[in-house]
Amino acid sequence: MNARHSFIKFLIVGSLATAIHYSVFYGLYRIAGLPAVPSTSAGFAASAVFNFAANYRFTFRSRARWDMAALRYVLIAGIGLLINALIFSALHEWGGLGSSYSQLLATGVVLVWNYLGGKYFIFRYKELKA
């Protein structure tokens, strides 16, 4: 699969995952009144579960061992969670930028991180075959 095609699929999956992330974030932060950083972190975690399954089957059509890909995904997603929380905190908590704009910018950075991690590390068949 060429990079352009996989990136378009990644954007589709990512759009759905982002909707999950933002829905959880909005529900916890705006409706339940929880603090912003834990709310966005919970949204990130919820979207990560969907993201792995959809990218494994749909985006990259991986033939890698599921368990090994899942372990690699947890590593990349964990780093992505830290990137998301740090950027969000820097912009919103320390910089005073609105929560929606802060989350949008953090999402853009994490999107690039996740695509590169998925394509070149998580779902590569050569390193993860049985």
Protein backbone atom coordinates (compact mmCIF):
# COMPACT_ATOMS: atom_id res chain seq x y z
CA MET A 1 0.00 0.00 0.00
CA ASN A 2 1.41 3.36 -0.92
CA ALA A 3 2.00 6.05 1.68
CA ARG A 4 -0.67 8.41 0.33
CA HIS A 5 -3.37 5.74 0.43
CA SER A 6 -2.45 4.62 3.95
CA PHE A 7 -2.34 8.23 5.13
CA ILE A 8 -5.85 8.92 3.79
CA LYS A 9 -7.14 5.83 5.61
CA PHE A 10 -5.24 6.94 8.69
CA LEU A 11 -6.99 10.32 8.51
CA ILE A 12 -10.40 8.63 8.31
CA VAL A 13 -9.67 6.45 11.33
CA GLY A 14 -8.08 9.39 13.09
CA SER A 15 -11.14 11.56 12.48
CA LEU A 16 -13.34 8.98 14.15
CA ALA A 17 -10.85 8.56 16.99
CA THR A 18 -10.69 12.33 17.40
CA ALA A 19 -14.48 12.46 17.65
CA ILE A 20 -14.26 9.88 20.44
CA HIS A 21 -11.46 11.82 22.16
CA TYR A 22 -13.28 15.15 21.97
CA SER A 23 -16.61 13.65 23.07
CA VAL A 24 -15.06 12.15 26.19
CA PHE A 25 -13.08 15.34 26.85
CA TYR A 26 -16.14 17.55 26.43
CA GLY A 27 -18.30 15.28 28.58
CA LEU A 28 -15.82 15.12 31.42
CA TYR A 29 -14.61 18.73 31.30
CA ARG A 30 -17.66 20.75 30.26
CA ILE A 31 -20.49 18.59 31.57
CA ALA A 32 -19.04 16.72 34.56
CA GLY A 33 -16.76 19.59 35.59
CA LEU A 34 -13.58 17.57 35.95
CA PRO A 35 -10.17 19.25 35.47
CA ALA A 36 -9.06 19.80 31.85
CA VAL A 37 -5.85 17.76 31.72
CA PRO A 38 -7.30 14.54 33.21
CA SER A 39 -10.35 14.99 30.97
CA THR A 40 -8.31 15.21 27.78
CA SER A 41 -6.14 12.30 28.94
CA ALA A 42 -9.22 10.12 29.45
CA GLY A 43 -10.45 11.08 25.99
CA PHE A 44 -7.09 10.19 24.53
CA ALA A 45 -7.15 6.76 26.19
CA ALA A 46 -10.67 5.99 24.95
CA SER A 47 -9.79 6.92 21.40
CA ALA A 48 -6.57 4.87 21.54
CA VAL A 49 -8.47 1.59 21.90
CA PHE A 50 -10.54 2.29 18.80
CA ASN A 51 -7.53 3.64 16.94
CA PHE A 52 -5.44 0.49 17.39
CA ALA A 53 -8.12 -1.89 16.18
CA ALA A 54 -9.11 0.23 13.18
CA ASN A 55 -5.55 0.95 12.09
CA TYR A 56 -4.50 -2.68 12.51
CA ARG A 57 -7.32 -3.99 10.31
CA PHE A 58 -8.32 -1.12 8.03
CA THR A 59 -5.48 1.37 7.59
CA PHE A 60 -2.39 -0.81 7.49
CA ARG A 61 -4.02 -4.24 6.98
CA SER A 62 -1.31 -5.56 9.20
CA ARG A 63 -0.19 -9.17 9.17
CA ALA A 64 2.01 -8.58 12.18
CA ARG A 65 1.36 -10.61 15.30
CA TRP A 66 -1.49 -8.88 17.08
CA ASP A 67 0.05 -9.17 20.54
CA MET A 68 3.39 -7.71 19.48
CA ALA A 69 1.72 -4.91 17.53
CA ALA A 70 -0.44 -4.16 20.59
CA LEU A 71 2.63 -3.85 22.82
CA ARG A 72 4.27 -1.50 20.35
CA TYR A 73 1.02 0.46 20.09
CA VAL A 74 0.89 0.93 23.85
CA LEU A 75 4.42 2.36 23.73
CA ILE A 76 3.66 4.78 20.88
CA ALA A 77 0.25 5.72 22.35
CA GLY A 78 1.80 6.27 25.77
CA ILE A 79 4.34 8.65 24.32
CA GLY A 80 1.51 10.28 22.35
CA LEU A 81 -0.46 10.71 25.56
CA LEU A 82 2.49 12.51 27.13
CA ILE A 83 2.94 14.69 24.05
CA ASN A 84 -0.79 15.53 24.11
CA ALA A 85 -0.83 16.35 27.83
CA LEU A 86 2.36 18.42 27.66
CA ILE A 87 1.25 20.47 24.65
CA PHE A 88 -2.24 20.93 26.08
CA SER A 89 -0.83 21.95 29.47
CA ALA A 90 1.68 24.34 27.94
CA LEU A 91 -0.93 26.06 25.80
CA HIS A 92 -3.97 25.98 28.10
CA GLU A 93 -2.76 25.78 31.68
CA TRP A 94 0.41 27.84 31.34
CA GLY A 95 -0.21 29.86 28.19
CA GLY A 96 -3.85 30.76 28.76
CA LEU A 97 -5.03 29.61 25.32
CA GLY A 98 -8.61 28.31 25.22
CA SER A 99 -9.14 24.62 25.79
CA SER A 100 -10.52 23.94 22.28
CA TYR A 101 -7.62 25.63 20.51
CA SER A 102 -5.11 23.98 22.82
CA GLN A 103 -6.59 20.56 22.12
CA LEU A 104 -6.69 21.17 18.37
CA LEU A 105 -3.00 22.04 18.25
CA ALA A 106 -2.05 19.10 20.46
CA THR A 107 -4.06 16.78 18.21
CA GLY A 108 -2.16 17.94 15.11
CA VAL A 109 1.20 17.10 16.64
CA VAL A 110 0.03 13.74 17.98
CA LEU A 111 -1.50 12.88 14.58
CA VAL A 112 1.91 13.06 12.90
CA TRP A 113 3.54 11.11 15.76
CA ASN A 114 0.92 8.35 15.57
CA TYR A 115 1.04 7.96 11.78
CA LEU A 116 4.80 7.63 11.68
CA GLY A 117 4.77 5.28 14.65
CA GLY A 118 2.07 3.10 13.08
CA LYS A 119 3.58 2.93 9.63
CA TYR A 120 7.21 2.40 10.59
CA PHE A 121 7.07 0.71 13.99
CA ILE A 122 3.76 -0.72 15.21
CA PHE A 123 2.30 -2.52 12.20
CA ARG A 124 5.44 -3.56 10.31
CA TYR A 125 5.15 -7.22 9.39
CA LYS A 126 8.85 -8.00 8.90
CA GLU A 127 9.80 -7.46 12.52
CA LEU A 128 6.62 -8.88 14.05
CA LYS A 129 5.83 -12.06 12.12
CA ALA A 130 5.23 -15.26 14.03
